[in-house]
Amino acid sequence: MSLVLIVIFTFITAEGQTNKIDISKSKINWVGKKVTGQHEGIVKLKGGYIIFKNNKVAGGNFTVDMKSLSNTDQTGKSKIKLEGHLKSDEFFGADNYNTSNLVFKSIGDKGNNVYSVTADLTIKGVTNPVKLISS
């Protein structure tokens, strides 16, 4: 199963150019695809911030609440079954690893507020590099 994340952030401006994520107004939409179809849902942020230098993204760090993972395209028993499966140790192990982290390592400015980001993504205590393109 592949996973696509669409992240919607709202900022609370803090000192300098570090903007704290307003977790009450921010969310991550996910899409999981498999050969026979796909599912989608949301997962909530537990905290995070984006750092700006000269009005350009220069860094960031996000903590995701894995226990908040929910499926939005199903209802009833199917919804409960998929959410349980995704939170189980077979996938995200939310009981033992209740947060995941994304830490920006380098940012490339592609112009027009589009950035390429290389980051470290930690899920279930395992960290791997990832590349993201913002829009």
Foldseek 3Di string as FASTA:
>chain_A
DDKDKDKDFDWDDDPDFKTKTPQVPIWIKMWAADPVGIWIWIWTWPIKIFGDDPNATFWMKTKTQLLRTFTDPDDDPVRVVVSCVCCPPVHQVCVVFRIKMKIWDGWDDPDPRKIWTWIWIGTPNDTDIDIDIDD
